[in-house]
Amino acid sequence: MSSASRTKGILFFLSALAVLGLMASIFPLRYATAERGQSEIGRYQLSSWASYSGAKVHHSGYYVIDTLSGKIVDKGHEIHGISGRSSSE
């Protein structure tokens, strides 16, 4: 690699960095922030789950929790059967 092409490459790299630095100062990054208000946004938390417990059965359920009181508002649990069909049917 010749000295002239190496110098051009370095100058191109430095000028690209300068342009990016200028753009960053003109268009600053903005970060999303969570703000607390008077409303009850985010008061309830939902958690769902599922598990496979054998060849023909699996369980699933959910909990709804009030984050202010810490109490479970609602919950559910179901046992589902799985049909024993093979892929050849």
PDB file of N, CA and C in Angstrom:
ATOM      1  N   MET A   1       0.851  -1.173   0.000  1.00  0.00           N
ATOM      2  CA  MET A   1       0.000   0.000   0.000  1.00  0.00           C
ATOM      3  C   MET A   1       0.898   1.238   0.000  1.00  0.00           C
ATOM      4  N   SER A   2       0.619   2.152  -0.896  1.00  0.00           N
ATOM      5  CA  SER A   2       1.470   3.336  -1.016  1.00  0.00           C
ATOM      6  C   SER A   2       1.154   4.355   0.078  1.00  0.00           C
ATOM      7  N   SER A   3       2.068   5.227   0.277  1.00  0.00           N
ATOM      8  CA  SER A   3       1.932   6.262   1.307  1.00  0.00           C
ATOM      9  C   SER A   3       0.777   7.208   0.987  1.00  0.00           C
ATOM     10  N   ALA A   4       0.552   7.506  -0.277  1.00  0.00           N
ATOM     11  CA  ALA A   4      -0.526   8.421  -0.677  1.00  0.00           C
ATOM     12  C   ALA A   4      -1.889   7.814  -0.408  1.00  0.00           C
ATOM     13  N   SER A   5      -2.056   6.530  -0.732  1.00  0.00           N
ATOM     14  CA  SER A   5      -3.360   5.893  -0.491  1.00  0.00           C
ATOM     15  C   SER A   5      -3.613   5.706   1.007  1.00  0.00           C
ATOM     16  N   ARG A   6      -2.565   5.455   1.768  1.00  0.00           N
ATOM     17  CA  ARG A   6      -2.704   5.339   3.217  1.00  0.00           C
ATOM     18  C   ARG A   6      -3.125   6.688   3.811  1.00  0.00           C
ATOM     19  N   THR A   7      -2.526   7.763   3.342  1.00  0.00           N
ATOM     20  CA  THR A   7      -2.872   9.107   3.815  1.00  0.00           C
ATOM     21  C   THR A   7      -4.312   9.446   3.462  1.00  0.00           C
ATOM     22  N   LYS A   8      -4.745   9.094   2.246  1.00  0.00           N
ATOM     23  CA  LYS A   8      -6.135   9.342   1.843  1.00  0.00           C
ATOM     24  C   LYS A   8      -7.106   8.558   2.727  1.00  0.00           C
ATOM     25  N   GLY A   9      -6.767   7.316   3.021  1.00  0.00           N
ATOM     26  CA  GLY A   9      -7.628   6.502   3.884  1.00  0.00           C
ATOM     27  C   GLY A   9      -7.758   7.084   5.279  1.00  0.00           C
ATOM     28  N   ILE A  10      -6.652   7.535   5.842  1.00  0.00           N
ATOM     29  CA  ILE A  10      -6.674   8.134   7.186  1.00  0.00           C
ATOM     30  C   ILE A  10      -7.466   9.429   7.174  1.00  0.00           C
ATOM     31  N   LEU A  11      -7.262  10.263   6.147  1.00  0.00           N
ATOM     32  CA  LEU A  11      -8.009  11.522   6.054  1.00  0.00           C
ATOM     33  C   LEU A  11      -9.504  11.273   5.879  1.00  0.00           C
ATOM     34  N   PHE A  12      -9.869  10.255   5.079  1.00  0.00           N
ATOM     35  CA  PHE A  12     -11.285   9.920   4.918  1.00  0.00           C
ATOM     36  C   PHE A  12     -11.886   9.475   6.248  1.00  0.00           C
ATOM     37  N   PHE A  13     -11.172   8.634   6.970  1.00  0.00           N
ATOM     38  CA  PHE A  13     -11.650   8.151   8.264  1.00  0.00           C
ATOM     39  C   PHE A  13     -11.823   9.306   9.246  1.00  0.00           C
ATOM     40  N   LEU A  14     -10.857  10.201   9.323  1.00  0.00           N
ATOM     41  CA  LEU A  14     -10.939  11.340  10.241  1.00  0.00           C
ATOM     42  C   LEU A  14     -12.061  12.308   9.857  1.00  0.00           C
ATOM     43  N   SER A  15     -12.248  12.517   8.546  1.00  0.00           N
ATOM     44  CA  SER A  15     -13.339  13.402   8.124  1.00  0.00           C
ATOM     45  C   SER A  15     -14.703  12.769   8.414  1.00  0.00           C
ATOM     46  N   ALA A  16     -14.821  11.446   8.273  1.00  0.00           N
ATOM     47  CA  ALA A  16     -16.074  10.765   8.609  1.00  0.00           C
ATOM     48  C   ALA A  16     -16.365  10.900  10.099  1.00  0.00           C
ATOM     49  N   LEU A  17     -15.347  10.770  10.939  1.00  0.00           N
ATOM     50  CA  LEU A  17     -15.539  10.961  12.374  1.00  0.00           C
ATOM     51  C   LEU A  17     -15.960  12.394  12.696  1.00  0.00           C
ATOM     52  N   ALA A  18     -15.371  13.363  12.014  1.00  0.00           N
ATOM     53  CA  ALA A  18     -15.729  14.761  12.237  1.00  0.00           C
ATOM     54  C   ALA A  18     -17.179  15.024  11.847  1.00  0.00           C
ATOM     55  N   VAL A  19     -17.621  14.466  10.710  1.00  0.00           N
ATOM     56  CA  VAL A  19     -19.008  14.639  10.272  1.00  0.00           C
ATOM     57  C   VAL A  19     -19.962  13.988  11.271  1.00  0.00           C
ATOM     58  N   LEU A  20     -19.640  12.799  11.736  1.00  0.00           N
ATOM     59  CA  LEU A  20     -20.499  12.136  12.723  1.00  0.00           C
ATOM     60  C   LEU A  20     -20.551  12.918  14.021  1.00  0.00           C
ATOM     61  N   GLY A  21     -19.426  13.486  14.454  1.00  0.00           N
ATOM     62  CA  GLY A  21     -19.406  14.311  15.658  1.00  0.00           C
ATOM     63  C   GLY A  21     -20.248  15.557  15.505  1.00  0.00           C
ATOM     64  N   LEU A  22     -20.203  16.175  14.320  1.00  0.00           N
ATOM     65  CA  LEU A  22     -21.022  17.356  14.048  1.00  0.00           C
ATOM     66  C   LEU A  22     -22.503  16.997  14.057  1.00  0.00           C
ATOM     67  N   MET A  23     -22.858  15.878  13.435  1.00  0.00           N
ATOM     68  CA  MET A  23     -24.254  15.442  13.419  1.00  0.00           C
ATOM     69  C   MET A  23     -24.749  15.135  14.824  1.00  0.00           C
ATOM     70  N   ALA A  24     -23.899  14.560  15.673  1.00  0.00           N
ATOM     71  CA  ALA A  24     -24.293  14.239  17.039  1.00  0.00           C
ATOM     72  C   ALA A  24     -24.547  15.509  17.841  1.00  0.00           C
ATOM     73  N   SER A  25     -23.834  16.585  17.546  1.00  0.00           N
ATOM     74  CA  SER A  25     -24.068  17.829  18.278  1.00  0.00           C
ATOM     75  C   SER A  25     -25.313  18.551  17.773  1.00  0.00           C
ATOM     76  N   ILE A  26     -25.640  18.372  16.493  1.00  0.00           N
ATOM     77  CA  ILE A  26     -26.838  19.006  15.942  1.00  0.00           C
ATOM     78  C   ILE A  26     -28.094  18.224  16.344  1.00  0.00           C
ATOM     79  N   PHE A  27     -28.024  16.909  16.282  1.00  0.00           N
ATOM     80  CA  PHE A  27     -29.150  16.037  16.617  1.00  0.00           C
ATOM     81  C   PHE A  27     -28.797  15.225  17.855  1.00  0.00           C
ATOM     82  N   PRO A  28     -28.988  15.779  19.052  1.00  0.00           N
ATOM     83  CA  PRO A  28     -28.600  15.049  20.263  1.00  0.00           C
ATOM     84  C   PRO A  28     -29.507  13.844  20.504  1.00  0.00           C
ATOM     85  N   LEU A  29     -28.964  12.845  21.156  1.00  0.00           N
ATOM     86  CA  LEU A  29     -29.749  11.656  21.494  1.00  0.00           C
ATOM     87  C   LEU A  29     -30.781  12.016  22.546  1.00  0.00           C
ATOM     88  N   ARG A  30     -31.959  11.445  22.387  1.00  0.00           N
ATOM     89  CA  ARG A  30     -33.002  11.642  23.398  1.00  0.00           C
ATOM     90  C   ARG A  30     -33.357  10.283  23.962  1.00  0.00           C
ATOM     91  N   TYR A  31     -33.432  10.190  25.253  1.00  0.00           N
ATOM     92  CA  TYR A  31     -33.736   8.939  25.924  1.00  0.00           C
ATOM     93  C   TYR A  31     -35.157   8.969  26.444  1.00  0.00           C
ATOM     94  N   ALA A  32     -35.833   7.843  26.365  1.00  0.00           N
ATOM     95  CA  ALA A  32     -37.173   7.738  26.920  1.00  0.00           C
ATOM     96  C   ALA A  32     -37.072   7.633  28.433  1.00  0.00           C
ATOM     97  N   THR A  33     -37.903   8.385  29.115  1.00  0.00           N
ATOM     98  CA  THR A  33     -37.915   8.343  30.573  1.00  0.00           C
ATOM     99  C   THR A  33     -39.324   8.067  31.053  1.00  0.00           C
ATOM    100  N   ALA A  34     -39.425   7.323  32.106  1.00  0.00           N
ATOM    101  CA  ALA A  34     -40.725   7.041  32.710  1.00  0.00           C
ATOM    102  C   ALA A  34     -41.026   8.137  33.717  1.00  0.00           C
ATOM    103  N   GLU A  35     -42.210   8.691  33.618  1.00  0.00           N
ATOM    104  CA  GLU A  35     -42.599   9.748  34.533  1.00  0.00           C
ATOM    105  C   GLU A  35     -43.806   9.300  35.324  1.00  0.00           C
ATOM    106  N   ARG A  36     -43.775   9.558  36.599  1.00  0.00           N
ATOM    107  CA  ARG A  36     -44.915   9.231  37.444  1.00  0.00           C
ATOM    108  C   ARG A  36     -45.917  10.353  37.388  1.00  0.00           C
ATOM    109  N   GLY A  37     -47.145   9.991  37.196  1.00  0.00           N
ATOM    110  CA  GLY A  37     -48.225  10.964  37.183  1.00  0.00           C
ATOM    111  C   GLY A  37     -49.234  10.623  38.264  1.00  0.00           C
ATOM    112  N   GLN A  38     -50.344  11.270  38.216  1.00  0.00           N
ATOM    113  CA  GLN A  38     -51.400  11.024  39.193  1.00  0.00           C
ATOM    114  C   GLN A  38     -52.255   9.809  38.823  1.00  0.00           C
ATOM    115  N   SER A  39     -52.135   9.330  37.598  1.00  0.00           N
ATOM    116  CA  SER A  39     -52.955   8.198  37.180  1.00  0.00           C
ATOM    117  C   SER A  39     -52.379   6.897  37.730  1.00  0.00           C
ATOM    118  N   GLU A  40     -53.134   5.825  37.563  1.00  0.00           N
ATOM    119  CA  GLU A  40     -52.725   4.517  38.076  1.00  0.00           C
ATOM    120  C   GLU A  40     -52.185   3.636  36.952  1.00  0.00           C
ATOM    121  N   ILE A  41     -51.443   4.218  36.045  1.00  0.00           N
ATOM    122  CA  ILE A  41     -50.849   3.444  34.949  1.00  0.00           C
ATOM    123  C   ILE A  41     -49.841   2.480  35.538  1.00  0.00           C
ATOM    124  N   GLY A  42     -49.915   1.234  35.136  1.00  0.00           N
ATOM    125  CA  GLY A  42     -48.978   0.238  35.615  1.00  0.00           C
ATOM    126  C   GLY A  42     -49.327  -0.330  36.974  1.00  0.00           C
ATOM    127  N   ARG A  43     -50.564  -0.161  37.408  1.00  0.00           N
ATOM    128  CA  ARG A  43     -50.936  -0.638  38.730  1.00  0.00           C
ATOM    129  C   ARG A  43     -51.007  -2.151  38.800  1.00  0.00           C
ATOM    130  N   TYR A  44     -51.475  -2.791  37.747  1.00  0.00           N
ATOM    131  CA  TYR A  44     -51.655  -4.234  37.758  1.00  0.00           C
ATOM    132  C   TYR A  44     -50.560  -4.920  36.960  1.00  0.00           C
ATOM    133  N   GLN A  45     -50.063  -6.024  37.485  1.00  0.00           N
ATOM    134  CA  GLN A  45     -49.032  -6.814  36.822  1.00  0.00           C
ATOM    135  C   GLN A  45     -49.630  -8.178  36.484  1.00  0.00           C
ATOM    136  N   LEU A  46     -49.432  -8.634  35.249  1.00  0.00           N
ATOM    137  CA  LEU A  46     -49.944  -9.927  34.800  1.00  0.00           C
ATOM    138  C   LEU A  46     -48.785 -10.892  34.643  1.00  0.00           C
ATOM    139  N   SER A  47     -48.952 -12.084  35.190  1.00  0.00           N
ATOM    140  CA  SER A  47     -47.943 -13.124  35.036  1.00  0.00           C
ATOM    141  C   SER A  47     -48.638 -14.378  34.544  1.00  0.00           C
ATOM    142  N   SER A  48     -48.154 -14.919  33.436  1.00  0.00           N
ATOM    143  CA  SER A  48     -48.740 -16.151  32.914  1.00  0.00           C
ATOM    144  C   SER A  48     -47.663 -17.215  32.840  1.00  0.00           C
ATOM    145  N   TRP A  49     -48.090 -18.449  32.868  1.00  0.00           N
ATOM    146  CA  TRP A  49     -47.147 -19.552  32.870  1.00  0.00           C
ATOM    147  C   TRP A  49     -47.770 -20.775  32.204  1.00  0.00           C
ATOM    148  N   ALA A  50     -46.922 -21.684  31.785  1.00  0.00           N
ATOM    149  CA  ALA A  50     -47.368 -22.958  31.215  1.00  0.00           C
ATOM    150  C   ALA A  50     -46.288 -23.993  31.459  1.00  0.00           C
ATOM    151  N   SER A  51     -46.721 -25.243  31.625  1.00  0.00           N
ATOM    152  CA  SER A  51     -45.746 -26.323  31.815  1.00  0.00           C
ATOM    153  C   SER A  51     -46.269 -27.600  31.175  1.00  0.00           C
ATOM    154  N   TYR A  52     -45.358 -28.383  30.695  1.00  0.00           N
ATOM    155  CA  TYR A  52     -45.665 -29.674  30.080  1.00  0.00           C
ATOM    156  C   TYR A  52     -45.369 -30.734  31.122  1.00  0.00           C
ATOM    157  N   SER A  53     -46.355 -31.551  31.450  1.00  0.00           N
ATOM    158  CA  SER A  53     -46.149 -32.499  32.545  1.00  0.00           C
ATOM    159  C   SER A  53     -46.384 -33.952  32.150  1.00  0.00           C
ATOM    160  N   GLY A  54     -46.234 -34.253  30.912  1.00  0.00           N
ATOM    161  CA  GLY A  54     -46.399 -35.641  30.522  1.00  0.00           C
ATOM    162  C   GLY A  54     -46.729 -35.764  29.052  1.00  0.00           C
ATOM    163  N   ALA A  55     -46.979 -36.993  28.630  1.00  0.00           N
ATOM    164  CA  ALA A  55     -47.206 -37.256  27.219  1.00  0.00           C
ATOM    165  C   ALA A  55     -48.515 -36.661  26.705  1.00  0.00           C
ATOM    166  N   LYS A  56     -49.527 -36.546  27.556  1.00  0.00           N
ATOM    167  CA  LYS A  56     -50.828 -36.096  27.064  1.00  0.00           C
ATOM    168  C   LYS A  56     -51.442 -34.962  27.886  1.00  0.00           C
ATOM    169  N   VAL A  57     -50.672 -34.304  28.736  1.00  0.00           N
ATOM    170  CA  VAL A  57     -51.237 -33.265  29.600  1.00  0.00           C
ATOM    171  C   VAL A  57     -50.261 -32.087  29.711  1.00  0.00           C
ATOM    172  N   HIS A  58     -50.797 -30.867  29.718  1.00  0.00           N
ATOM    173  CA  HIS A  58     -49.999 -29.707  30.092  1.00  0.00           C
ATOM    174  C   HIS A  58     -50.872 -28.747  30.898  1.00  0.00           C
ATOM    175  N   HIS A  59     -50.235 -27.931  31.707  1.00  0.00           N
ATOM    176  CA  HIS A  59     -50.914 -26.993  32.598  1.00  0.00           C
ATOM    177  C   HIS A  59     -50.598 -25.567  32.150  1.00  0.00           C
ATOM    178  N   SER A  60     -51.540 -24.666  32.365  1.00  0.00           N
ATOM    179  CA  SER A  60     -51.285 -23.247  32.125  1.00  0.00           C
ATOM    180  C   SER A  60     -52.104 -22.435  33.109  1.00  0.00           C
ATOM    181  N   GLY A  61     -51.664 -21.210  33.332  1.00  0.00           N
ATOM    182  CA  GLY A  61     -52.383 -20.361  34.263  1.00  0.00           C
ATOM    183  C   GLY A  61     -51.888 -18.933  34.234  1.00  0.00           C
ATOM    184  N   TYR A  62     -52.486 -18.119  35.087  1.00  0.00           N
ATOM    185  CA  TYR A  62     -52.105 -16.717  35.154  1.00  0.00           C
ATOM    186  C   TYR A  62     -52.401 -16.164  36.545  1.00  0.00           C
ATOM    187  N   TYR A  63     -51.754 -15.057  36.873  1.00  0.00           N
ATOM    188  CA  TYR A  63     -52.012 -14.285  38.084  1.00  0.00           C
ATOM    189  C   TYR A  63     -52.094 -12.823  37.688  1.00  0.00           C
ATOM    190  N   VAL A  64     -53.032 -12.085  38.285  1.00  0.00           N
ATOM    191  CA  VAL A  64     -53.090 -10.635  38.143  1.00  0.00           C
ATOM    192  C   VAL A  64     -52.860 -10.069  39.538  1.00  0.00           C
ATOM    193  N   ILE A  65     -51.795  -9.272  39.684  1.00  0.00           N
ATOM    194  CA  ILE A  65     -51.385  -8.763  40.990  1.00  0.00           C
ATOM    195  C   ILE A  65     -51.555  -7.252  41.017  1.00  0.00           C
ATOM    196  N   ASP A  66     -52.167  -6.734  42.086  1.00  0.00           N
ATOM    197  CA  ASP A  66     -52.279  -5.294  42.313  1.00  0.00           C
ATOM    198  C   ASP A  66     -50.954  -4.835  42.922  1.00  0.00           C
ATOM    199  N   THR A  67     -50.210  -4.003  42.210  1.00  0.00           N
ATOM    200  CA  THR A  67     -48.884  -3.611  42.682  1.00  0.00           C
ATOM    201  C   THR A  67     -48.933  -2.613  43.832  1.00  0.00           C
ATOM    202  N   LEU A  68     -50.079  -1.981  44.072  1.00  0.00           N
ATOM    203  CA  LEU A  68     -50.173  -1.064  45.208  1.00  0.00           C
ATOM    204  C   LEU A  68     -50.400  -1.815  46.516  1.00  0.00           C
ATOM    205  N   SER A  69     -51.296  -2.797  46.486  1.00  0.00           N
ATOM    206  CA  SER A  69     -51.602  -3.532  47.723  1.00  0.00           C
ATOM    207  C   SER A  69     -50.807  -4.831  47.846  1.00  0.00           C
ATOM    208  N   GLY A  70     -50.309  -5.361  46.723  1.00  0.00           N
ATOM    209  CA  GLY A  70     -49.577  -6.623  46.750  1.00  0.00           C
ATOM    210  C   GLY A  70     -50.482  -7.838  46.767  1.00  0.00           C
ATOM    211  N   LYS A  71     -51.773  -7.649  46.593  1.00  0.00           N
ATOM    212  CA  LYS A  71     -52.721  -8.766  46.639  1.00  0.00           C
ATOM    213  C   LYS A  71     -52.982  -9.317  45.237  1.00  0.00           C
ATOM    214  N   ILE A  72     -53.291 -10.605  45.185  1.00  0.00           N
ATOM    215  CA  ILE A  72     -53.657 -11.253  43.926  1.00  0.00           C
ATOM    216  C   ILE A  72     -55.113 -10.909  43.637  1.00  0.00           C
ATOM    217  N   VAL A  73     -55.355 -10.230  42.523  1.00  0.00           N
ATOM    218  CA  VAL A  73     -56.692  -9.789  42.148  1.00  0.00           C
ATOM    219  C   VAL A  73     -57.452 -10.910  41.449  1.00  0.00           C
ATOM    220  N   ASP A  74     -56.762 -11.658  40.604  1.00  0.00           N
ATOM    221  CA  ASP A  74     -57.394 -12.734  39.848  1.00  0.00           C
ATOM    222  C   ASP A  74     -56.333 -13.786  39.548  1.00  0.00           C
ATOM    223  N   LYS A  75     -56.781 -15.035  39.404  1.00  0.00           N
ATOM    224  CA  LYS A  75     -55.864 -16.101  39.025  1.00  0.00           C
ATOM    225  C   LYS A  75     -56.635 -17.192  38.321  1.00  0.00           C
ATOM    226  N   GLY A  76     -55.936 -17.950  37.522  1.00  0.00           N
ATOM    227  CA  GLY A  76     -56.585 -19.037  36.809  1.00  0.00           C
ATOM    228  C   GLY A  76     -55.601 -20.164  36.564  1.00  0.00           C
ATOM    229  N   HIS A  77     -56.129 -21.389  36.466  1.00  0.00           N
ATOM    230  CA  HIS A  77     -55.303 -22.565  36.228  1.00  0.00           C
ATOM    231  C   HIS A  77     -56.119 -23.544  35.406  1.00  0.00           C
ATOM    232  N   GLU A  78     -55.535 -24.059  34.357  1.00  0.00           N
ATOM    233  CA  GLU A  78     -56.221 -25.031  33.508  1.00  0.00           C
ATOM    234  C   GLU A  78     -55.304 -26.205  33.214  1.00  0.00           C
ATOM    235  N   ILE A  79     -55.917 -27.376  33.079  1.00  0.00           N
ATOM    236  CA  ILE A  79     -55.203 -28.578  32.667  1.00  0.00           C
ATOM    237  C   ILE A  79     -55.737 -28.937  31.289  1.00  0.00           C
ATOM    238  N   HIS A  80     -54.845 -29.037  30.325  1.00  0.00           N
ATOM    239  CA  HIS A  80     -55.238 -29.295  28.949  1.00  0.00           C
ATOM    240  C   HIS A  80     -54.771 -30.681  28.530  1.00  0.00           C
ATOM    241  N   GLY A  81     -55.662 -31.413  27.891  1.00  0.00           N
ATOM    242  CA  GLY A  81     -55.273 -32.706  27.328  1.00  0.00           C
ATOM    243  C   GLY A  81     -54.756 -32.506  25.916  1.00  0.00           C
ATOM    244  N   ILE A  82     -53.817 -33.356  25.536  1.00  0.00           N
ATOM    245  CA  ILE A  82     -53.263 -33.316  24.190  1.00  0.00           C
ATOM    246  C   ILE A  82     -53.672 -34.603  23.494  1.00  0.00           C
ATOM    247  N   SER A  83     -54.276 -34.479  22.329  1.00  0.00           N
ATOM    248  CA  SER A  83     -54.707 -35.677  21.613  1.00  0.00           C
ATOM    249  C   SER A  83     -53.506 -36.476  21.162  1.00  0.00           C
ATOM    250  N   GLY A  84     -53.662 -37.764  21.084  1.00  0.00           N
ATOM    251  CA  GLY A  84     -52.557 -38.650  20.762  1.00  0.00           C
ATOM    252  C   GLY A  84     -52.407 -38.947  19.292  1.00  0.00           C
ATOM    253  N   ARG A  85     -52.707 -37.983  18.420  1.00  0.00           N
ATOM    254  CA  ARG A  85     -52.576 -38.202  16.992  1.00  0.00           C
ATOM    255  C   ARG A  85     -51.127 -38.264  16.569  1.00  0.00           C
ATOM    256  N   SER A  86     -50.839 -39.158  15.669  1.00  0.00           N
ATOM    257  CA  SER A  86     -49.472 -39.227  15.131  1.00  0.00           C
ATOM    258  C   SER A  86     -49.424 -38.405  13.839  1.00  0.00           C
ATOM    259  N   SER A  87     -48.241 -38.115  13.363  1.00  0.00           N
ATOM    260  CA  SER A  87     -48.096 -37.295  12.161  1.00  0.00           C
ATOM    261  C   SER A  87     -48.512 -38.040  10.905  1.00  0.00           C
ATOM    262  N   SER A  88     -48.675 -39.376  10.978  1.00  0.00           N
ATOM    263  CA  SER A  88     -49.040 -40.146   9.792  1.00  0.00           C
ATOM    264  C   SER A  88     -50.544 -40.166   9.569  1.00  0.00           C
ATOM    265  N   GLU A  89     -51.333 -39.709  10.540  1.00  0.00           N
ATOM    266  CA  GLU A  89     -52.798 -39.738  10.384  1.00  0.00           C
ATOM    267  C   GLU A  89     -53.299 -38.580   9.551  1.00  0.00           C
TER     268      GLU A  89
END
